[in-house]
Amino acid sequence: MDLQIPPVDQFQVFIICAARVAGFINGTTIIFDRHVPTLFKAGYVVMLSLVLFPIMSPFIPKGPLEMGPFFFLIVNETLVGLIIGLMVTLIFTAIQFGGTVIGYQMGFAAANVFDPQNQNQTSLISEFNNVFAIFLFLALNVHHVFIRAAVKSYEILPPGKLDLSHAAIPYLLGLSSKMFVLSLQFSAPVLAMLLLSGLILGILARIFPQLNVFLLSYPLNIGISFIVIGLTLNMASILLRREFDSIPERINTLLHFMN
C-alpha cells in the first residue's frame, strides 16, 4: 500500500493550526503539567489539532509559504494560544495563592509538599484548592467552552494579525489585578475567622496569664480553618463558576483588542 504524503501547503496549514492549539492547551496548566509525559502532551496536541483542523483551516492562509513567513506565523500563533490560555491560568493562580495565604495563617507554613509543576514547595491548602478547582473545571465542562472559544478566535483574530499595540496589554494587566481580588475573596472567610480567633485568644491571654495561648492556637486555628473551608465550599464553587463562565467573554474581548 502506497503511503500518500500530504501537500506541503496543507501540511503547513496543519502546523500553523497546531501551534495555536498547543499554545492555548499549554496555558490551561491542567493537561500540560510538568509531571505529564512529553509523549502524551504531543499526542494530545496532534489529536486535538486533527479534530479542529477542518474548522480552522478556512481561516488560515493557503498556499506554500517561505521559511521566514512560515516561522513567523508559527511564533505568532503560539503566542496567541498562550495568551488565550492565560485566561484560565490567572484563575488557577489566584486560587493557589489564596490557598497559600490560608495555609500560612492556619499554621501549615512548615507542612509543604513538592509541586512537580512549578518545581518548588507548595502549601497543602493551595494544592487542595487547585485540585478542587480542576474537578469543578471539568465537572462544569468548562474545557469544552474553552475549546469552542479558542476555535472562534480564528474568526476574530486570523493568523498573522496579532497586534499588541492597542489595549491588549492594559486589559491583561487589569485581569491580573482582578485575580488578586479573587484570591482575597476565596480566602476571606477563613482569614476573618482566624482573625476573630486570634482576638479571642489575645483577650483570654490577658484574663488568664497562665494559659499557654501559643500552644493552644495551633490546633484551634487548624480546626477552625478546616471547618470554615468545609462550610464555604459551596460559596467557593459559586465564585469559581462565575469566573469560569466569564472566560469566553474575556477571550473575545482580548482578541478584539489584539486585532
C-alpha atoms as a PDB file:
ATOM      1  CA  MET A   1       0.000   0.000   0.000  1.00  0.00           C
ATOM      2  CA  ASP A   2       1.405   3.338  -1.068  1.00  0.00           C
ATOM      3  CA  LEU A   3       1.648   5.954   1.631  1.00  0.00           C
ATOM      4  CA  GLN A   4       0.281   9.260   0.379  1.00  0.00           C
ATOM      5  CA  ILE A   5       2.231  12.292   1.524  1.00  0.00           C
ATOM      6  CA  PRO A   6       0.055  15.385   2.106  1.00  0.00           C
ATOM      7  CA  PRO A   7       0.865  18.500   0.041  1.00  0.00           C
ATOM      8  CA  VAL A   8       3.300  20.971   1.508  1.00  0.00           C
ATOM      9  CA  ASP A   9       0.744  23.782   1.744  1.00  0.00           C
ATOM     10  CA  GLN A  10      -1.752  21.562   3.600  1.00  0.00           C
ATOM     11  CA  PHE A  11       0.956  20.370   5.985  1.00  0.00           C
ATOM     12  CA  GLN A  12       1.948  23.974   6.700  1.00  0.00           C
ATOM     13  CA  VAL A  13      -1.667  24.885   7.435  1.00  0.00           C
ATOM     14  CA  PHE A  14      -1.878  21.985   9.898  1.00  0.00           C
ATOM     15  CA  ILE A  15       1.327  23.060  11.659  1.00  0.00           C
ATOM     16  CA  ILE A  16       0.024  26.624  11.977  1.00  0.00           C
ATOM     17  CA  CYS A  17      -3.244  25.283  13.383  1.00  0.00           C
ATOM     18  CA  ALA A  18      -1.385  23.025  15.839  1.00  0.00           C
ATOM     19  CA  ALA A  19       0.737  25.967  17.045  1.00  0.00           C
ATOM     20  CA  ARG A  20      -2.273  27.874  18.380  1.00  0.00           C
ATOM     21  CA  VAL A  21      -3.808  24.690  19.800  1.00  0.00           C
ATOM     22  CA  ALA A  22      -0.562  23.853  21.623  1.00  0.00           C
ATOM     23  CA  GLY A  23      -0.422  27.396  22.948  1.00  0.00           C
ATOM     24  CA  PHE A  24      -3.878  27.563  24.499  1.00  0.00           C
ATOM     25  CA  ILE A  25      -3.795  23.978  25.787  1.00  0.00           C
ATOM     26  CA  ASN A  26      -0.406  24.611  27.369  1.00  0.00           C
ATOM     27  CA  GLY A  27      -1.767  27.749  29.004  1.00  0.00           C
ATOM     28  CA  THR A  28      -4.513  25.911  30.861  1.00  0.00           C
ATOM     29  CA  THR A  29      -1.967  24.252  33.244  1.00  0.00           C
ATOM     30  CA  ILE A  30      -4.373  21.316  33.636  1.00  0.00           C
ATOM     31  CA  ILE A  31      -3.220  18.907  30.916  1.00  0.00           C
ATOM     32  CA  PHE A  32       0.306  20.253  30.475  1.00  0.00           C
ATOM     33  CA  ASP A  33       1.769  19.808  33.944  1.00  0.00           C
ATOM     34  CA  ARG A  34       5.461  19.036  34.224  1.00  0.00           C
ATOM     35  CA  HIS A  35       4.771  15.544  35.538  1.00  0.00           C
ATOM     36  CA  VAL A  36       2.738  14.626  32.418  1.00  0.00           C
ATOM     37  CA  PRO A  37       4.880  12.685  29.906  1.00  0.00           C
ATOM     38  CA  THR A  38       6.043  14.671  26.887  1.00  0.00           C
ATOM     39  CA  LEU A  39       4.819  11.982  24.508  1.00  0.00           C
ATOM     40  CA  PHE A  40       1.294  12.305  25.891  1.00  0.00           C
ATOM     41  CA  LYS A  41       1.405  16.088  25.513  1.00  0.00           C
ATOM     42  CA  ALA A  42       2.492  15.858  21.880  1.00  0.00           C
ATOM     43  CA  GLY A  43      -0.113  13.204  21.093  1.00  0.00           C
ATOM     44  CA  TYR A  44      -2.869  15.234  22.743  1.00  0.00           C
ATOM     45  CA  VAL A  45      -1.983  18.338  20.716  1.00  0.00           C
ATOM     46  CA  VAL A  46      -1.821  16.371  17.450  1.00  0.00           C
ATOM     47  CA  MET A  47      -5.148  14.602  18.042  1.00  0.00           C
ATOM     48  CA  LEU A  48      -6.947  17.795  19.040  1.00  0.00           C
ATOM     49  CA  SER A  49      -5.425  19.627  16.060  1.00  0.00           C
ATOM     50  CA  LEU A  50      -6.658  16.892  13.714  1.00  0.00           C
ATOM     51  CA  VAL A  51     -10.172  17.285  15.113  1.00  0.00           C
ATOM     52  CA  LEU A  52     -10.158  21.099  14.878  1.00  0.00           C
ATOM     53  CA  PHE A  53      -8.222  21.324  11.611  1.00  0.00           C
ATOM     54  CA  PRO A  54     -11.280  21.177   9.281  1.00  0.00           C
ATOM     55  CA  ILE A  55     -12.918  24.005  11.257  1.00  0.00           C
ATOM     56  CA  MET A  56      -9.846  26.218  11.482  1.00  0.00           C
ATOM     57  CA  SER A  57      -8.339  25.670   8.018  1.00  0.00           C
ATOM     58  CA  PRO A  58     -10.654  28.133   6.150  1.00  0.00           C
ATOM     59  CA  PHE A  59      -9.256  30.988   8.247  1.00  0.00           C
ATOM     60  CA  ILE A  60      -5.578  30.101   7.647  1.00  0.00           C
ATOM     61  CA  PRO A  61      -3.711  31.480   4.593  1.00  0.00           C
ATOM     62  CA  LYS A  62      -3.425  28.948   1.763  1.00  0.00           C
ATOM     63  CA  GLY A  63      -0.502  28.235  -0.494  1.00  0.00           C
ATOM     64  CA  PRO A  64       3.110  27.235   0.223  1.00  0.00           C
ATOM     65  CA  LEU A  65       4.878  29.732   2.452  1.00  0.00           C
ATOM     66  CA  GLU A  66       8.531  30.650   2.539  1.00  0.00           C
ATOM     67  CA  MET A  67      10.533  29.658   5.585  1.00  0.00           C
ATOM     68  CA  GLY A  68      10.559  33.189   7.064  1.00  0.00           C
ATOM     69  CA  PRO A  69       6.784  33.897   6.905  1.00  0.00           C
ATOM     70  CA  PHE A  70       6.040  30.311   7.952  1.00  0.00           C
ATOM     71  CA  PHE A  71       8.240  30.579  11.055  1.00  0.00           C
ATOM     72  CA  PHE A  72       6.728  33.977  11.852  1.00  0.00           C
ATOM     73  CA  LEU A  73       3.196  32.537  11.691  1.00  0.00           C
ATOM     74  CA  ILE A  74       4.147  29.648  13.998  1.00  0.00           C
ATOM     75  CA  VAL A  75       5.579  32.039  16.615  1.00  0.00           C
ATOM     76  CA  ASN A  76       2.582  34.341  16.170  1.00  0.00           C
ATOM     77  CA  GLU A  77       0.053  31.546  16.641  1.00  0.00           C
ATOM     78  CA  THR A  78       1.868  30.068  19.626  1.00  0.00           C
ATOM     79  CA  LEU A  79       1.860  33.478  21.310  1.00  0.00           C
ATOM     80  CA  VAL A  80      -1.863  33.920  20.611  1.00  0.00           C
ATOM     81  CA  GLY A  81      -2.564  30.484  22.073  1.00  0.00           C
ATOM     82  CA  LEU A  82      -0.549  31.213  25.209  1.00  0.00           C
ATOM     83  CA  ILE A  83      -2.417  34.493  25.720  1.00  0.00           C
ATOM     84  CA  ILE A  84      -5.749  32.676  25.348  1.00  0.00           C
ATOM     85  CA  GLY A  85      -4.651  30.040  27.861  1.00  0.00           C
ATOM     86  CA  LEU A  86      -3.628  32.817  30.230  1.00  0.00           C
ATOM     87  CA  MET A  87      -7.337  33.479  30.876  1.00  0.00           C
ATOM     88  CA  VAL A  88      -7.535  30.124  32.666  1.00  0.00           C
ATOM     89  CA  THR A  89      -4.054  30.267  34.183  1.00  0.00           C
ATOM     90  CA  LEU A  90      -4.836  33.514  36.015  1.00  0.00           C
ATOM     91  CA  ILE A  91      -7.860  31.944  37.731  1.00  0.00           C
ATOM     92  CA  PHE A  92      -5.955  28.887  38.926  1.00  0.00           C
ATOM     93  CA  THR A  93      -3.016  31.017  40.053  1.00  0.00           C
ATOM     94  CA  ALA A  94      -5.358  33.192  42.127  1.00  0.00           C
ATOM     95  CA  ILE A  95      -6.889  30.105  43.741  1.00  0.00           C
ATOM     96  CA  GLN A  96      -3.488  28.668  44.595  1.00  0.00           C
ATOM     97  CA  PHE A  97      -2.311  31.991  46.014  1.00  0.00           C
ATOM     98  CA  GLY A  98      -5.411  32.195  48.210  1.00  0.00           C
ATOM     99  CA  GLY A  99      -4.735  28.671  49.459  1.00  0.00           C
ATOM    100  CA  THR A 100      -1.136  29.577  50.242  1.00  0.00           C
ATOM    101  CA  VAL A 101      -2.272  32.535  52.359  1.00  0.00           C
ATOM    102  CA  ILE A 102      -4.762  30.336  54.210  1.00  0.00           C
ATOM    103  CA  GLY A 103      -2.105  27.679  54.825  1.00  0.00           C
ATOM    104  CA  TYR A 104       0.353  30.125  56.346  1.00  0.00           C
ATOM    105  CA  GLN A 105      -2.283  31.756  58.538  1.00  0.00           C
ATOM    106  CA  MET A 106      -3.655  28.481  59.879  1.00  0.00           C
ATOM    107  CA  GLY A 107      -0.207  27.158  60.833  1.00  0.00           C
ATOM    108  CA  PHE A 108       0.693  24.992  57.848  1.00  0.00           C
ATOM    109  CA  ALA A 109       3.761  27.044  56.928  1.00  0.00           C
ATOM    110  CA  ALA A 110       6.057  24.073  57.518  1.00  0.00           C
ATOM    111  CA  ALA A 111       3.675  21.458  56.070  1.00  0.00           C
ATOM    112  CA  ASN A 112       4.525  21.938  52.394  1.00  0.00           C
ATOM    113  CA  VAL A 113       4.749  19.385  49.605  1.00  0.00           C
ATOM    114  CA  PHE A 114       6.847  19.334  46.434  1.00  0.00           C
ATOM    115  CA  ASP A 115       4.936  20.641  43.399  1.00  0.00           C
ATOM    116  CA  PRO A 116       6.280  18.990  40.202  1.00  0.00           C
ATOM    117  CA  GLN A 117       4.501  21.587  38.043  1.00  0.00           C
ATOM    118  CA  ASN A 118       6.379  24.581  39.421  1.00  0.00           C
ATOM    119  CA  GLN A 119       9.417  22.676  40.749  1.00  0.00           C
ATOM    120  CA  ASN A 120       9.095  24.185  44.236  1.00  0.00           C
ATOM    121  CA  GLN A 121       7.433  23.698  47.612  1.00  0.00           C
ATOM    122  CA  THR A 122       3.729  24.479  47.806  1.00  0.00           C
ATOM    123  CA  SER A 123       1.158  24.656  50.572  1.00  0.00           C
ATOM    124  CA  LEU A 124      -1.161  21.719  51.235  1.00  0.00           C
ATOM    125  CA  ILE A 125      -4.203  24.015  51.214  1.00  0.00           C
ATOM    126  CA  SER A 126      -3.007  25.502  47.912  1.00  0.00           C
ATOM    127  CA  GLU A 127      -2.875  22.010  46.389  1.00  0.00           C
ATOM    128  CA  PHE A 128      -6.317  21.218  47.791  1.00  0.00           C
ATOM    129  CA  ASN A 129      -7.763  24.391  46.237  1.00  0.00           C
ATOM    130  CA  ASN A 130      -6.064  23.606  42.939  1.00  0.00           C
ATOM    131  CA  VAL A 131      -7.461  20.069  42.784  1.00  0.00           C
ATOM    132  CA  PHE A 132     -10.914  21.321  43.796  1.00  0.00           C
ATOM    133  CA  ALA A 133     -10.825  23.934  41.021  1.00  0.00           C
ATOM    134  CA  ILE A 134      -9.687  21.363  38.438  1.00  0.00           C
ATOM    135  CA  PHE A 135     -12.521  18.981  39.353  1.00  0.00           C
ATOM    136  CA  LEU A 136     -15.023  21.833  39.138  1.00  0.00           C
ATOM    137  CA  PHE A 137     -13.499  22.974  35.841  1.00  0.00           C
ATOM    138  CA  LEU A 138     -14.021  19.513  34.341  1.00  0.00           C
ATOM    139  CA  ALA A 139     -17.406  18.864  36.001  1.00  0.00           C
ATOM    140  CA  LEU A 140     -18.861  22.069  34.544  1.00  0.00           C
ATOM    141  CA  ASN A 141     -17.468  21.196  31.082  1.00  0.00           C
ATOM    142  CA  VAL A 142     -15.598  24.489  31.019  1.00  0.00           C
ATOM    143  CA  HIS A 143     -12.889  22.805  28.934  1.00  0.00           C
ATOM    144  CA  HIS A 144     -15.480  22.393  26.147  1.00  0.00           C
ATOM    145  CA  VAL A 145     -16.422  26.070  26.372  1.00  0.00           C
ATOM    146  CA  PHE A 146     -12.757  26.984  26.410  1.00  0.00           C
ATOM    147  CA  ILE A 147     -12.022  24.956  23.259  1.00  0.00           C
ATOM    148  CA  ARG A 148     -15.050  26.451  21.469  1.00  0.00           C
ATOM    149  CA  ALA A 149     -13.869  29.941  22.389  1.00  0.00           C
ATOM    150  CA  ALA A 150     -10.399  29.110  21.093  1.00  0.00           C
ATOM    151  CA  VAL A 151     -11.857  27.869  17.788  1.00  0.00           C
ATOM    152  CA  LYS A 152     -13.946  31.020  17.477  1.00  0.00           C
ATOM    153  CA  SER A 153     -10.746  33.008  17.959  1.00  0.00           C
ATOM    154  CA  TYR A 154      -9.851  32.272  14.328  1.00  0.00           C
ATOM    155  CA  GLU A 155     -12.885  34.251  13.208  1.00  0.00           C
ATOM    156  CA  ILE A 156     -11.971  37.238  15.379  1.00  0.00           C
ATOM    157  CA  LEU A 157      -8.185  37.084  15.020  1.00  0.00           C
ATOM    158  CA  PRO A 158      -6.966  35.276  11.869  1.00  0.00           C
ATOM    159  CA  PRO A 159      -3.356  34.028  11.785  1.00  0.00           C
ATOM    160  CA  GLY A 160      -0.763  36.739  11.309  1.00  0.00           C
ATOM    161  CA  LYS A 161      -2.990  39.569  12.582  1.00  0.00           C
ATOM    162  CA  LEU A 162      -1.656  39.786  16.144  1.00  0.00           C
ATOM    163  CA  ASP A 163      -1.189  43.382  17.286  1.00  0.00           C
ATOM    164  CA  LEU A 164      -0.302  44.149  20.913  1.00  0.00           C
ATOM    165  CA  SER A 165      -0.001  47.907  20.425  1.00  0.00           C
ATOM    166  CA  HIS A 166      -3.639  48.603  21.323  1.00  0.00           C
ATOM    167  CA  ALA A 167      -5.462  47.931  24.610  1.00  0.00           C
ATOM    168  CA  ALA A 168      -4.460  44.255  24.937  1.00  0.00           C
ATOM    169  CA  ILE A 169      -1.606  44.786  27.423  1.00  0.00           C
ATOM    170  CA  PRO A 170      -3.609  47.132  29.740  1.00  0.00           C
ATOM    171  CA  TYR A 171      -6.502  44.660  29.608  1.00  0.00           C
ATOM    172  CA  LEU A 172      -4.209  41.780  30.665  1.00  0.00           C
ATOM    173  CA  LEU A 173      -2.800  43.884  33.486  1.00  0.00           C
ATOM    174  CA  GLY A 174      -6.340  44.671  34.627  1.00  0.00           C
ATOM    175  CA  LEU A 175      -7.229  40.977  34.664  1.00  0.00           C
ATOM    176  CA  SER A 176      -4.071  40.227  36.646  1.00  0.00           C
ATOM    177  CA  SER A 177      -5.078  42.751  39.296  1.00  0.00           C
ATOM    178  CA  LYS A 178      -8.566  41.224  39.457  1.00  0.00           C
ATOM    179  CA  MET A 179      -7.008  37.862  40.237  1.00  0.00           C
ATOM    180  CA  PHE A 180      -5.619  39.272  43.493  1.00  0.00           C
ATOM    181  CA  VAL A 181      -9.166  40.296  44.371  1.00  0.00           C
ATOM    182  CA  LEU A 182     -10.338  36.768  43.531  1.00  0.00           C
ATOM    183  CA  SER A 183      -7.717  35.197  45.800  1.00  0.00           C
ATOM    184  CA  LEU A 184      -8.778  37.544  48.610  1.00  0.00           C
ATOM    185  CA  GLN A 185     -12.453  36.640  48.116  1.00  0.00           C
ATOM    186  CA  PHE A 186     -11.549  32.958  48.098  1.00  0.00           C
ATOM    187  CA  SER A 187      -9.605  33.158  51.366  1.00  0.00           C
ATOM    188  CA  ALA A 188     -11.622  35.884  53.141  1.00  0.00           C
ATOM    189  CA  PRO A 189     -13.934  33.621  55.240  1.00  0.00           C
ATOM    190  CA  VAL A 190     -11.039  31.653  56.718  1.00  0.00           C
ATOM    191  CA  LEU A 191      -8.922  34.750  57.307  1.00  0.00           C
ATOM    192  CA  ALA A 192     -11.824  36.511  59.027  1.00  0.00           C
ATOM    193  CA  MET A 193     -12.403  33.569  61.385  1.00  0.00           C
ATOM    194  CA  LEU A 194      -8.685  33.275  62.134  1.00  0.00           C
ATOM    195  CA  LEU A 195      -8.570  36.986  62.910  1.00  0.00           C
ATOM    196  CA  LEU A 196     -11.518  36.573  65.287  1.00  0.00           C
ATOM    197  CA  SER A 197      -9.853  33.533  66.843  1.00  0.00           C
ATOM    198  CA  GLY A 198      -6.644  35.496  67.414  1.00  0.00           C
ATOM    199  CA  LEU A 199      -8.598  38.324  69.002  1.00  0.00           C
ATOM    200  CA  ILE A 200     -10.369  35.954  71.400  1.00  0.00           C
ATOM    201  CA  LEU A 201      -7.133  34.192  72.299  1.00  0.00           C
ATOM    202  CA  GLY A 202      -5.489  37.559  72.949  1.00  0.00           C
ATOM    203  CA  ILE A 203      -8.287  38.507  75.329  1.00  0.00           C
ATOM    204  CA  LEU A 204      -8.016  35.129  77.090  1.00  0.00           C
ATOM    205  CA  ALA A 205      -4.251  35.605  77.452  1.00  0.00           C
ATOM    206  CA  ARG A 206      -4.851  38.903  79.230  1.00  0.00           C
ATOM    207  CA  ILE A 207      -7.516  37.408  81.524  1.00  0.00           C
ATOM    208  CA  PHE A 208      -5.662  34.141  82.246  1.00  0.00           C
ATOM    209  CA  PRO A 209      -1.899  34.815  82.100  1.00  0.00           C
ATOM    210  CA  GLN A 210      -1.170  31.214  83.000  1.00  0.00           C
ATOM    211  CA  LEU A 211      -2.920  29.993  79.814  1.00  0.00           C
ATOM    212  CA  ASN A 212      -0.468  28.851  77.134  1.00  0.00           C
ATOM    213  CA  VAL A 213      -2.142  30.644  74.221  1.00  0.00           C
ATOM    214  CA  PHE A 214       0.718  29.964  71.830  1.00  0.00           C
ATOM    215  CA  LEU A 215       0.380  26.191  72.237  1.00  0.00           C
ATOM    216  CA  LEU A 216      -3.420  26.337  72.132  1.00  0.00           C
ATOM    217  CA  SER A 217      -3.579  28.453  68.978  1.00  0.00           C
ATOM    218  CA  TYR A 218      -2.149  25.799  66.618  1.00  0.00           C
ATOM    219  CA  PRO A 219      -4.806  23.056  66.936  1.00  0.00           C
ATOM    220  CA  LEU A 220      -7.549  25.638  67.364  1.00  0.00           C
ATOM    221  CA  ASN A 221      -6.647  27.563  64.190  1.00  0.00           C
ATOM    222  CA  ILE A 222      -6.268  24.369  62.174  1.00  0.00           C
ATOM    223  CA  GLY A 223      -9.638  23.036  63.362  1.00  0.00           C
ATOM    224  CA  ILE A 224     -11.424  26.350  62.719  1.00  0.00           C
ATOM    225  CA  SER A 225      -9.859  26.646  59.272  1.00  0.00           C
ATOM    226  CA  PHE A 226     -10.926  23.160  58.185  1.00  0.00           C
ATOM    227  CA  ILE A 227     -14.468  23.735  59.467  1.00  0.00           C
ATOM    228  CA  VAL A 228     -14.770  27.077  57.632  1.00  0.00           C
ATOM    229  CA  ILE A 229     -13.308  25.586  54.423  1.00  0.00           C
ATOM    230  CA  GLY A 230     -15.851  22.775  54.544  1.00  0.00           C
ATOM    231  CA  LEU A 231     -18.757  25.138  55.223  1.00  0.00           C
ATOM    232  CA  THR A 232     -17.768  27.552  52.431  1.00  0.00           C
ATOM    233  CA  LEU A 233     -17.104  25.038  49.645  1.00  0.00           C
ATOM    234  CA  ASN A 234     -20.493  25.808  48.107  1.00  0.00           C
ATOM    235  CA  MET A 235     -19.726  29.524  48.135  1.00  0.00           C
ATOM    236  CA  ALA A 236     -16.291  28.848  46.638  1.00  0.00           C
ATOM    237  CA  SER A 237     -17.832  26.771  43.831  1.00  0.00           C
ATOM    238  CA  ILE A 238     -20.258  29.608  43.021  1.00  0.00           C
ATOM    239  CA  LEU A 239     -17.362  32.058  42.949  1.00  0.00           C
ATOM    240  CA  LEU A 240     -15.327  29.802  40.668  1.00  0.00           C
ATOM    241  CA  ARG A 241     -18.283  29.125  38.395  1.00  0.00           C
ATOM    242  CA  ARG A 242     -18.738  32.868  37.931  1.00  0.00           C
ATOM    243  CA  GLU A 243     -15.089  33.181  36.915  1.00  0.00           C
ATOM    244  CA  PHE A 244     -15.249  30.177  34.590  1.00  0.00           C
ATOM    245  CA  ASP A 245     -18.411  31.494  32.904  1.00  0.00           C
ATOM    246  CA  SER A 246     -16.631  34.756  32.131  1.00  0.00           C
ATOM    247  CA  ILE A 247     -13.781  33.038  30.226  1.00  0.00           C
ATOM    248  CA  PRO A 248     -15.400  33.197  26.721  1.00  0.00           C
ATOM    249  CA  GLU A 249     -16.280  36.868  27.133  1.00  0.00           C
ATOM    250  CA  ARG A 250     -12.764  37.699  28.311  1.00  0.00           C
ATOM    251  CA  ILE A 251     -11.220  35.788  25.402  1.00  0.00           C
ATOM    252  CA  ASN A 252     -13.428  37.604  22.865  1.00  0.00           C
ATOM    253  CA  THR A 253     -12.644  40.994  24.387  1.00  0.00           C
ATOM    254  CA  LEU A 254      -8.921  40.285  24.416  1.00  0.00           C
ATOM    255  CA  LEU A 255      -8.926  39.037  20.821  1.00  0.00           C
ATOM    256  CA  HIS A 256     -10.691  42.200  19.654  1.00  0.00           C
ATOM    257  CA  PHE A 257      -8.042  44.244  21.448  1.00  0.00           C
ATOM    258  CA  MET A 258      -5.276  42.246  19.713  1.00  0.00           C
ATOM    259  CA  ASN A 259      -6.774  42.619  16.248  1.00  0.00           C
END
